[in-house]
Amino acid sequence: MASLSVYPNPSAGPAFLTYDLPETTDLQVNLTDVNGRLLRVVTDKRDLTPGLYQESIVVDDLAPGLYLIRMQTEHGVVTQKLIKQ
Protein backbone atom coordinates (compact mmCIF):
# COMPACT_ATOMS: atom_id res chain seq x y z
CA MET A 1 0.00 0.00 0.00
CA ALA A 2 1.20 3.52 -0.78
CA SER A 3 2.12 5.87 2.06
CA LEU A 4 1.45 9.61 2.36
CA SER A 5 2.86 12.29 4.65
CA VAL A 6 2.05 16.02 4.86
CA TYR A 7 4.38 18.69 6.25
CA PRO A 8 4.59 21.16 7.80
CA ASN A 9 1.39 20.37 9.58
CA PRO A 10 -0.10 22.71 10.76
CA SER A 11 0.82 24.94 7.81
CA ALA A 12 0.48 28.67 7.18
CA GLY A 13 2.14 28.64 3.76
CA PRO A 14 2.74 25.93 1.20
CA ALA A 15 2.34 22.36 2.40
CA PHE A 16 4.35 19.49 0.97
CA LEU A 17 3.17 15.96 0.30
CA THR A 18 5.52 13.04 0.13
CA TYR A 19 4.19 9.74 -1.10
CA ASP A 20 5.86 6.41 -1.64
CA LEU A 21 4.47 4.10 -4.31
CA PRO A 22 5.49 0.44 -3.98
CA GLU A 23 4.27 -0.48 -7.48
CA THR A 24 3.24 1.09 -10.79
CA THR A 25 -0.17 2.73 -10.43
CA ASP A 26 -2.50 5.53 -11.46
CA LEU A 27 -2.67 8.25 -8.82
CA GLN A 28 -5.03 11.05 -7.88
CA VAL A 29 -4.50 13.36 -4.91
CA ASN A 30 -7.31 15.72 -3.87
CA LEU A 31 -7.71 18.44 -1.26
CA THR A 32 -11.16 18.45 0.36
CA ASP A 33 -12.87 20.15 3.23
CA VAL A 34 -14.06 18.03 6.18
CA ASN A 35 -17.42 17.52 4.46
CA GLY A 36 -15.72 15.89 1.47
CA ARG A 37 -16.26 18.83 -0.90
CA LEU A 38 -13.47 18.89 -3.50
CA LEU A 39 -11.43 22.09 -3.25
CA ARG A 40 -8.70 21.19 -5.74
CA VAL A 41 -7.05 18.33 -7.56
CA VAL A 42 -3.42 18.31 -6.45
CA THR A 43 -2.28 15.72 -8.97
CA ASP A 44 -3.81 13.26 -11.41
CA LYS A 45 -1.23 11.01 -13.07
CA ARG A 46 -1.20 7.71 -14.93
CA ASP A 47 1.27 4.83 -14.78
CA LEU A 48 3.57 6.26 -12.11
CA THR A 49 6.49 3.94 -11.48
CA PRO A 50 7.43 2.82 -7.96
CA GLY A 51 9.32 5.42 -5.96
CA LEU A 52 9.22 8.42 -3.68
CA TYR A 53 7.44 11.54 -4.96
CA GLN A 54 6.88 15.05 -3.63
CA GLU A 55 4.20 17.64 -4.47
CA SER A 56 3.50 21.07 -3.03
CA ILE A 57 0.07 22.52 -2.26
CA VAL A 58 -0.58 26.24 -2.03
CA VAL A 59 -2.89 26.74 0.94
CA ASP A 60 -2.57 30.52 1.27
CA ASP A 61 -6.11 31.04 -0.09
CA LEU A 62 -7.72 28.64 2.41
CA ALA A 63 -9.40 29.78 5.61
CA PRO A 64 -7.80 28.48 8.81
CA GLY A 65 -9.17 25.05 9.72
CA LEU A 66 -9.03 21.33 9.06
CA TYR A 67 -8.74 19.89 5.55
CA LEU A 68 -8.20 16.40 4.14
CA ILE A 69 -5.64 15.20 1.63
CA ARG A 70 -7.02 12.12 -0.14
CA MET A 71 -4.65 9.98 -2.20
CA GLN A 72 -6.26 7.30 -4.38
CA THR A 73 -4.35 4.63 -6.28
CA GLU A 74 -5.48 1.47 -8.04
CA HIS A 75 -4.76 -0.36 -4.77
CA GLY A 76 -6.60 1.79 -2.23
CA VAL A 77 -7.11 5.17 -0.59
CA VAL A 78 -4.98 6.96 2.02
CA THR A 79 -6.22 10.10 3.79
CA GLN A 80 -4.21 12.56 5.89
CA LYS A 81 -5.40 15.60 7.81
CA LEU A 82 -3.98 19.05 7.04
CA ILE A 83 -4.44 21.91 9.47
CA LYS A 84 -4.27 25.39 7.93
CA GLN A 85 -3.20 28.08 10.39
PDB file of N, CA and C in Angstrom:
ATOM      1  N   MET A   1       0.833  -1.176   0.000  1.00  0.00           N
ATOM      2  CA  MET A   1       0.000   0.000   0.000  1.00  0.00           C
ATOM      3  C   MET A   1       0.884   1.247   0.000  1.00  0.00           C
ATOM      4  N   ALA A   2       0.469   2.255  -0.719  1.00  0.00           N
ATOM      5  CA  ALA A   2       1.197   3.521  -0.779  1.00  0.00           C
ATOM      6  C   ALA A   2       1.118   4.249   0.557  1.00  0.00           C
ATOM      7  N   SER A   3       2.139   5.075   0.840  1.00  0.00           N
ATOM      8  CA  SER A   3       2.124   5.870   2.063  1.00  0.00           C
ATOM      9  C   SER A   3       2.118   7.347   1.690  1.00  0.00           C
ATOM     10  N   LEU A   4       1.602   8.178   2.597  1.00  0.00           N
ATOM     11  CA  LEU A   4       1.453   9.610   2.362  1.00  0.00           C
ATOM     12  C   LEU A   4       1.799  10.357   3.632  1.00  0.00           C
ATOM     13  N   SER A   5       2.609  11.411   3.505  1.00  0.00           N
ATOM     14  CA  SER A   5       2.864  12.291   4.646  1.00  0.00           C
ATOM     15  C   SER A   5       2.705  13.736   4.186  1.00  0.00           C
ATOM     16  N   VAL A   6       2.293  14.606   5.127  1.00  0.00           N
ATOM     17  CA  VAL A   6       2.045  16.016   4.855  1.00  0.00           C
ATOM     18  C   VAL A   6       2.849  16.835   5.846  1.00  0.00           C
ATOM     19  N   TYR A   7       3.598  17.832   5.356  1.00  0.00           N
ATOM     20  CA  TYR A   7       4.381  18.688   6.251  1.00  0.00           C
ATOM     21  C   TYR A   7       4.575  20.054   5.613  1.00  0.00           C
ATOM     22  N   PRO A   8       4.818  21.123   6.354  1.00  0.00           N
ATOM     23  CA  PRO A   8       4.585  21.163   7.802  1.00  0.00           C
ATOM     24  C   PRO A   8       3.093  21.054   8.081  1.00  0.00           C
ATOM     25  N   ASN A   9       2.785  20.566   9.229  1.00  0.00           N
ATOM     26  CA  ASN A   9       1.395  20.366   9.581  1.00  0.00           C
ATOM     27  C   ASN A   9       1.245  20.590  11.084  1.00  0.00           C
ATOM     28  N   PRO A  10       0.671  21.708  11.478  1.00  0.00           N
ATOM     29  CA  PRO A  10      -0.099  22.711  10.757  1.00  0.00           C
ATOM     30  C   PRO A  10       0.779  23.549   9.812  1.00  0.00           C
ATOM     31  N   SER A  11       0.120  24.173   8.821  1.00  0.00           N
ATOM     32  CA  SER A  11       0.821  24.943   7.805  1.00  0.00           C
ATOM     33  C   SER A  11       0.152  26.296   7.618  1.00  0.00           C
ATOM     34  N   ALA A  12       0.981  27.337   7.484  1.00  0.00           N
ATOM     35  CA  ALA A  12       0.478  28.668   7.182  1.00  0.00           C
ATOM     36  C   ALA A  12       0.772  29.037   5.731  1.00  0.00           C
ATOM     37  N   GLY A  13       1.753  28.380   5.145  1.00  0.00           N
ATOM     38  CA  GLY A  13       2.139  28.643   3.760  1.00  0.00           C
ATOM     39  C   GLY A  13       1.989  27.376   2.953  1.00  0.00           C
ATOM     40  N   PRO A  14       2.854  27.168   1.984  1.00  0.00           N
ATOM     41  CA  PRO A  14       2.744  25.933   1.196  1.00  0.00           C
ATOM     42  C   PRO A  14       2.912  24.698   2.089  1.00  0.00           C
ATOM     43  N   ALA A  15       2.187  23.657   1.746  1.00  0.00           N
ATOM     44  CA  ALA A  15       2.343  22.357   2.404  1.00  0.00           C
ATOM     45  C   ALA A  15       2.960  21.411   1.381  1.00  0.00           C
ATOM     46  N   PHE A  16       3.694  20.449   1.853  1.00  0.00           N
ATOM     47  CA  PHE A  16       4.353  19.494   0.974  1.00  0.00           C
ATOM     48  C   PHE A  16       3.848  18.089   1.256  1.00  0.00           C
ATOM     49  N   LEU A  17       3.591  17.356   0.202  1.00  0.00           N
ATOM     50  CA  LEU A  17       3.171  15.965   0.297  1.00  0.00           C
ATOM     51  C   LEU A  17       4.313  15.091  -0.169  1.00  0.00           C
ATOM     52  N   THR A  18       4.575  14.058   0.564  1.00  0.00           N
ATOM     53  CA  THR A  18       5.519  13.044   0.131  1.00  0.00           C
ATOM     54  C   THR A  18       4.764  11.731   0.105  1.00  0.00           C
ATOM     55  N   TYR A  19       4.840  11.034  -1.022  1.00  0.00           N
ATOM     56  CA  TYR A  19       4.186   9.739  -1.105  1.00  0.00           C
ATOM     57  C   TYR A  19       5.111   8.729  -1.728  1.00  0.00           C
ATOM     58  N   ASP A  20       5.010   7.519  -1.228  1.00  0.00           N
ATOM     59  CA  ASP A  20       5.856   6.413  -1.641  1.00  0.00           C
ATOM     60  C   ASP A  20       4.965   5.365  -2.301  1.00  0.00           C
ATOM     61  N   LEU A  21       5.253   5.082  -3.558  1.00  0.00           N
ATOM     62  CA  LEU A  21       4.465   4.103  -4.308  1.00  0.00           C
ATOM     63  C   LEU A  21       5.261   2.811  -4.444  1.00  0.00           C
ATOM     64  N   PRO A  22       4.756   1.699  -3.923  1.00  0.00           N
ATOM     65  CA  PRO A  22       5.487   0.438  -3.980  1.00  0.00           C
ATOM     66  C   PRO A  22       5.394  -0.266  -5.336  1.00  0.00           C
ATOM     67  N   GLU A  23       4.428   0.142  -6.178  1.00  0.00           N
ATOM     68  CA  GLU A  23       4.272  -0.485  -7.485  1.00  0.00           C
ATOM     69  C   GLU A  23       3.681   0.514  -8.469  1.00  0.00           C
ATOM     70  N   THR A  24       3.783   0.219  -9.754  1.00  0.00           N
ATOM     71  CA  THR A  24       3.241   1.095 -10.790  1.00  0.00           C
ATOM     72  C   THR A  24       1.737   1.231 -10.612  1.00  0.00           C
ATOM     73  N   THR A  25       1.248   2.481 -10.686  1.00  0.00           N
ATOM     74  CA  THR A  25      -0.171   2.729 -10.435  1.00  0.00           C
ATOM     75  C   THR A  25      -0.604   4.067 -11.015  1.00  0.00           C
ATOM     76  N   ASP A  26      -1.907   4.223 -11.207  1.00  0.00           N
ATOM     77  CA  ASP A  26      -2.496   5.528 -11.464  1.00  0.00           C
ATOM     78  C   ASP A  26      -2.679   6.202 -10.111  1.00  0.00           C
ATOM     79  N   LEU A  27      -2.632   7.525 -10.092  1.00  0.00           N
ATOM     80  CA  LEU A  27      -2.672   8.247  -8.824  1.00  0.00           C
ATOM     81  C   LEU A  27      -3.488   9.516  -8.968  1.00  0.00           C
ATOM     82  N   GLN A  28      -4.351   9.766  -7.985  1.00  0.00           N
ATOM     83  CA  GLN A  28      -5.026  11.054  -7.885  1.00  0.00           C
ATOM     84  C   GLN A  28      -4.950  11.505  -6.437  1.00  0.00           C
ATOM     85  N   VAL A  29      -4.560  12.772  -6.242  1.00  0.00           N
ATOM     86  CA  VAL A  29      -4.505  13.363  -4.910  1.00  0.00           C
ATOM     87  C   VAL A  29      -5.407  14.587  -4.922  1.00  0.00           C
ATOM     88  N   ASN A  30      -6.340  14.629  -3.966  1.00  0.00           N
ATOM     89  CA  ASN A  30      -7.312  15.719  -3.868  1.00  0.00           C
ATOM     90  C   ASN A  30      -7.232  16.390  -2.507  1.00  0.00           C
ATOM     91  N   LEU A  31      -7.553  17.676  -2.490  1.00  0.00           N
ATOM     92  CA  LEU A  31      -7.705  18.436  -1.256  1.00  0.00           C
ATOM     93  C   LEU A  31      -9.193  18.684  -1.072  1.00  0.00           C
ATOM     94  N   THR A  32      -9.732  18.267   0.077  1.00  0.00           N
ATOM     95  CA  THR A  32     -11.162  18.447   0.356  1.00  0.00           C
ATOM     96  C   THR A  32     -11.345  19.137   1.703  1.00  0.00           C
ATOM     97  N   ASP A  33     -12.543  19.667   1.901  1.00  0.00           N
ATOM     98  CA  ASP A  33     -12.873  20.145   3.235  1.00  0.00           C
ATOM     99  C   ASP A  33     -13.348  18.936   4.054  1.00  0.00           C
ATOM    100  N   VAL A  34     -13.679  19.154   5.308  1.00  0.00           N
ATOM    101  CA  VAL A  34     -14.057  18.030   6.178  1.00  0.00           C
ATOM    102  C   VAL A  34     -15.380  17.394   5.779  1.00  0.00           C
ATOM    103  N   ASN A  35     -16.159  18.074   4.948  1.00  0.00           N
ATOM    104  CA  ASN A  35     -17.417  17.519   4.460  1.00  0.00           C
ATOM    105  C   ASN A  35     -17.238  16.732   3.161  1.00  0.00           C
ATOM    106  N   GLY A  36     -15.989  16.643   2.689  1.00  0.00           N
ATOM    107  CA  GLY A  36     -15.718  15.889   1.466  1.00  0.00           C
ATOM    108  C   GLY A  36     -15.850  16.693   0.188  1.00  0.00           C
ATOM    109  N   ARG A  37     -16.128  17.989   0.292  1.00  0.00           N
ATOM    110  CA  ARG A  37     -16.256  18.831  -0.901  1.00  0.00           C
ATOM    111  C   ARG A  37     -14.874  19.057  -1.525  1.00  0.00           C
ATOM    112  N   LEU A  38     -14.740  18.749  -2.794  1.00  0.00           N
ATOM    113  CA  LEU A  38     -13.468  18.889  -3.504  1.00  0.00           C
ATOM    114  C   LEU A  38     -13.109  20.359  -3.630  1.00  0.00           C
ATOM    115  N   LEU A  39     -11.918  20.712  -3.134  1.00  0.00           N
ATOM    116  CA  LEU A  39     -11.432  22.087  -3.248  1.00  0.00           C
ATOM    117  C   LEU A  39     -10.448  22.221  -4.405  1.00  0.00           C
ATOM    118  N   ARG A  40      -9.616  21.193  -4.595  1.00  0.00           N
ATOM    119  CA  ARG A  40      -8.705  21.186  -5.742  1.00  0.00           C
ATOM    120  C   ARG A  40      -8.119  19.807  -5.957  1.00  0.00           C
ATOM    121  N   VAL A  41      -7.785  19.543  -7.203  1.00  0.00           N
ATOM    122  CA  VAL A  41      -7.047  18.333  -7.563  1.00  0.00           C
ATOM    123  C   VAL A  41      -5.574  18.698  -7.486  1.00  0.00           C
ATOM    124  N   VAL A  42      -4.841  18.035  -6.616  1.00  0.00           N
ATOM    125  CA  VAL A  42      -3.418  18.313  -6.448  1.00  0.00           C
ATOM    126  C   VAL A  42      -2.628  17.669  -7.577  1.00  0.00           C
ATOM    127  N   THR A  43      -2.946  16.420  -7.867  1.00  0.00           N
ATOM    128  CA  THR A  43      -2.282  15.724  -8.967  1.00  0.00           C
ATOM    129  C   THR A  43      -3.186  14.620  -9.483  1.00  0.00           C
ATOM    130  N   ASP A  44      -3.049  14.331 -10.763  1.00  0.00           N
ATOM    131  CA  ASP A  44      -3.809  13.261 -11.410  1.00  0.00           C
ATOM    132  C   ASP A  44      -2.894  12.687 -12.489  1.00  0.00           C
ATOM    133  N   LYS A  45      -2.258  11.565 -12.191  1.00  0.00           N
ATOM    134  CA  LYS A  45      -1.230  11.007 -13.072  1.00  0.00           C
ATOM    135  C   LYS A  45      -1.500   9.543 -13.363  1.00  0.00           C
ATOM    136  N   ARG A  46      -1.026   9.094 -14.490  1.00  0.00           N
ATOM    137  CA  ARG A  46      -1.201   7.708 -14.932  1.00  0.00           C
ATOM    138  C   ARG A  46       0.143   6.996 -14.984  1.00  0.00           C
ATOM    139  N   ASP A  47       0.113   5.724 -14.647  1.00  0.00           N
ATOM    140  CA  ASP A  47       1.271   4.828 -14.776  1.00  0.00           C
ATOM    141  C   ASP A  47       2.534   5.360 -14.104  1.00  0.00           C
ATOM    142  N   LEU A  48       2.383   5.852 -12.867  1.00  0.00           N
ATOM    143  CA  LEU A  48       3.565   6.263 -12.106  1.00  0.00           C
ATOM    144  C   LEU A  48       4.342   5.028 -11.679  1.00  0.00           C
ATOM    145  N   THR A  49       5.635   5.068 -11.855  1.00  0.00           N
ATOM    146  CA  THR A  49       6.485   3.941 -11.477  1.00  0.00           C
ATOM    147  C   THR A  49       6.750   3.965  -9.972  1.00  0.00           C
ATOM    148  N   PRO A  50       7.144   2.853  -9.399  1.00  0.00           N
ATOM    149  CA  PRO A  50       7.434   2.818  -7.959  1.00  0.00           C
ATOM    150  C   PRO A  50       8.499   3.853  -7.597  1.00  0.00           C
ATOM    151  N   GLY A  51       8.340   4.445  -6.425  1.00  0.00           N
ATOM    152  CA  GLY A  51       9.323   5.420  -5.964  1.00  0.00           C
ATOM    153  C   GLY A  51       8.731   6.423  -5.012  1.00  0.00           C
ATOM    154  N   LEU A  52       9.578   7.362  -4.615  1.00  0.00           N
ATOM    155  CA  LEU A  52       9.217   8.419  -3.681  1.00  0.00           C
ATOM    156  C   LEU A  52       8.970   9.697  -4.477  1.00  0.00           C
ATOM    157  N   TYR A  53       7.828  10.346  -4.239  1.00  0.00           N
ATOM    158  CA  TYR A  53       7.443  11.542  -4.965  1.00  0.00           C
ATOM    159  C   TYR A  53       7.112  12.657  -3.985  1.00  0.00           C
ATOM    160  N   GLN A  54       7.228  13.904  -4.462  1.00  0.00           N
ATOM    161  CA  GLN A  54       6.885  15.054  -3.630  1.00  0.00           C
ATOM    162  C   GLN A  54       6.078  16.049  -4.465  1.00  0.00           C
ATOM    163  N   GLU A  55       5.047  16.620  -3.851  1.00  0.00           N
ATOM    164  CA  GLU A  55       4.200  17.644  -4.469  1.00  0.00           C
ATOM    165  C   GLU A  55       4.042  18.768  -3.454  1.00  0.00           C
ATOM    166  N   SER A  56       3.810  19.972  -3.943  1.00  0.00           N
ATOM    167  CA  SER A  56       3.496  21.075  -3.033  1.00  0.00           C
ATOM    168  C   SER A  56       2.046  21.502  -3.257  1.00  0.00           C
ATOM    169  N   ILE A  57       1.435  22.009  -2.200  1.00  0.00           N
ATOM    170  CA  ILE A  57       0.065  22.516  -2.262  1.00  0.00           C
ATOM    171  C   ILE A  57       0.083  23.937  -1.723  1.00  0.00           C
ATOM    172  N   VAL A  58      -0.425  24.860  -2.509  1.00  0.00           N
ATOM    173  CA  VAL A  58      -0.583  26.236  -2.033  1.00  0.00           C
ATOM    174  C   VAL A  58      -1.863  26.282  -1.201  1.00  0.00           C
ATOM    175  N   VAL A  59      -1.722  26.681   0.048  1.00  0.00           N
ATOM    176  CA  VAL A  59      -2.891  26.745   0.939  1.00  0.00           C
ATOM    177  C   VAL A  59      -3.147  28.168   1.415  1.00  0.00           C
ATOM    178  N   ASP A  60      -2.436  29.133   0.848  1.00  0.00           N
ATOM    179  CA  ASP A  60      -2.571  30.524   1.275  1.00  0.00           C
ATOM    180  C   ASP A  60      -4.006  31.035   1.153  1.00  0.00           C
ATOM    181  N   ASP A  61      -4.748  30.545   0.165  1.00  0.00           N
ATOM    182  CA  ASP A  61      -6.107  31.039  -0.085  1.00  0.00           C
ATOM    183  C   ASP A  61      -7.165  30.346   0.770  1.00  0.00           C
ATOM    184  N   LEU A  62      -6.763  29.374   1.578  1.00  0.00           N
ATOM    185  CA  LEU A  62      -7.721  28.640   2.408  1.00  0.00           C
ATOM    186  C   LEU A  62      -7.910  29.323   3.758  1.00  0.00           C
ATOM    187  N   ALA A  63      -9.119  29.272   4.254  1.00  0.00           N
ATOM    188  CA  ALA A  63      -9.398  29.777   5.605  1.00  0.00           C
ATOM    189  C   ALA A  63      -8.748  28.833   6.616  1.00  0.00           C
ATOM    190  N   PRO A  64      -8.348  29.355   7.776  1.00  0.00           N
ATOM    191  CA  PRO A  64      -7.798  28.477   8.808  1.00  0.00           C
ATOM    192  C   PRO A  64      -8.802  27.379   9.158  1.00  0.00           C
ATOM    193  N   GLY A  65      -8.291  26.162   9.359  1.00  0.00           N
ATOM    194  CA  GLY A  65      -9.167  25.052   9.721  1.00  0.00           C
ATOM    195  C   GLY A  65      -8.583  23.720   9.309  1.00  0.00           C
ATOM    196  N   LEU A  66      -9.421  22.705   9.348  1.00  0.00           N
ATOM    197  CA  LEU A  66      -9.031  21.331   9.058  1.00  0.00           C
ATOM    198  C   LEU A  66      -9.438  20.959   7.630  1.00  0.00           C
ATOM    199  N   TYR A  67      -8.511  20.354   6.910  1.00  0.00           N
ATOM    200  CA  TYR A  67      -8.742  19.891   5.547  1.00  0.00           C
ATOM    201  C   TYR A  67      -8.239  18.459   5.429  1.00  0.00           C
ATOM    202  N   LEU A  68      -8.625  17.780   4.365  1.00  0.00           N
ATOM    203  CA  LEU A  68      -8.200  16.401   4.140  1.00  0.00           C
ATOM    204  C   LEU A  68      -7.477  16.283   2.810  1.00  0.00           C
ATOM    205  N   ILE A  69      -6.378  15.552   2.834  1.00  0.00           N
ATOM    206  CA  ILE A  69      -5.644  15.196   1.625  1.00  0.00           C
ATOM    207  C   ILE A  69      -5.983  13.739   1.351  1.00  0.00           C
ATOM    208  N   ARG A  70      -6.574  13.480   0.203  1.00  0.00           N
ATOM    209  CA  ARG A  70      -7.019  12.118  -0.142  1.00  0.00           C
ATOM    210  C   ARG A  70      -6.226  11.627  -1.345  1.00  0.00           C
ATOM    211  N   MET A  71      -5.459  10.571  -1.137  1.00  0.00           N
ATOM    212  CA  MET A  71      -4.652   9.977  -2.200  1.00  0.00           C
ATOM    213  C   MET A  71      -5.278   8.648  -2.606  1.00  0.00           C
ATOM    214  N   GLN A  72      -5.645   8.527  -3.874  1.00  0.00           N
ATOM    215  CA  GLN A  72      -6.255   7.300  -4.379  1.00  0.00           C
ATOM    216  C   GLN A  72      -5.370   6.695  -5.451  1.00  0.00           C
ATOM    217  N   THR A  73      -5.084   5.393  -5.275  1.00  0.00           N
ATOM    218  CA  THR A  73      -4.354   4.629  -6.278  1.00  0.00           C
ATOM    219  C   THR A  73      -5.249   3.463  -6.707  1.00  0.00           C
ATOM    220  N   GLU A  74      -4.748   2.659  -7.608  1.00  0.00           N
ATOM    221  CA  GLU A  74      -5.483   1.470  -8.037  1.00  0.00           C
ATOM    222  C   GLU A  74      -5.618   0.454  -6.905  1.00  0.00           C
ATOM    223  N   HIS A  75      -4.834   0.636  -5.846  1.00  0.00           N
ATOM    224  CA  HIS A  75      -4.761  -0.356  -4.772  1.00  0.00           C
ATOM    225  C   HIS A  75      -5.399   0.105  -3.471  1.00  0.00           C
ATOM    226  N   GLY A  76      -5.952   1.327  -3.451  1.00  0.00           N
ATOM    227  CA  GLY A  76      -6.602   1.786  -2.233  1.00  0.00           C
ATOM    228  C   GLY A  76      -6.541   3.294  -2.064  1.00  0.00           C
ATOM    229  N   VAL A  77      -7.023   3.742  -0.907  1.00  0.00           N
ATOM    230  CA  VAL A  77      -7.113   5.166  -0.588  1.00  0.00           C
ATOM    231  C   VAL A  77      -6.402   5.420   0.738  1.00  0.00           C
ATOM    232  N   VAL A  78      -5.631   6.517   0.786  1.00  0.00           N
ATOM    233  CA  VAL A  78      -4.983   6.963   2.019  1.00  0.00           C
ATOM    234  C   VAL A  78      -5.403   8.410   2.238  1.00  0.00           C
ATOM    235  N   THR A  79      -5.790   8.741   3.471  1.00  0.00           N
ATOM    236  CA  THR A  79      -6.219  10.096   3.794  1.00  0.00           C
ATOM    237  C   THR A  79      -5.382  10.626   4.949  1.00  0.00           C
ATOM    238  N   GLN A  80      -4.946  11.877   4.818  1.00  0.00           N
ATOM    239  CA  GLN A  80      -4.213  12.564   5.887  1.00  0.00           C
ATOM    240  C   GLN A  80      -4.898  13.891   6.176  1.00  0.00           C
ATOM    241  N   LYS A  81      -4.861  14.305   7.425  1.00  0.00           N
ATOM    242  CA  LYS A  81      -5.397  15.605   7.811  1.00  0.00           C
ATOM    243  C   LYS A  81      -4.354  16.688   7.551  1.00  0.00           C
ATOM    244  N   LEU A  82      -4.834  17.861   7.172  1.00  0.00           N
ATOM    245  CA  LEU A  82      -3.984  19.049   7.039  1.00  0.00           C
ATOM    246  C   LEU A  82      -4.657  20.177   7.797  1.00  0.00           C
ATOM    247  N   ILE A  83      -3.922  20.779   8.705  1.00  0.00           N
ATOM    248  CA  ILE A  83      -4.439  21.909   9.472  1.00  0.00           C
ATOM    249  C   ILE A  83      -3.828  23.179   8.896  1.00  0.00           C
ATOM    250  N   LYS A  84      -4.707  24.087   8.454  1.00  0.00           N
ATOM    251  CA  LYS A  84      -4.272  25.393   7.927  1.00  0.00           C
ATOM    252  C   LYS A  84      -4.347  26.398   9.061  1.00  0.00           C
ATOM    253  N   GLN A  85      -3.232  27.064   9.331  1.00  0.00           N
ATOM    254  CA  GLN A  85      -3.197  28.081  10.390  1.00  0.00           C
ATOM    255  C   GLN A  85      -3.645  29.412   9.851  1.00  0.00           C
TER     256      GLN A  85
END
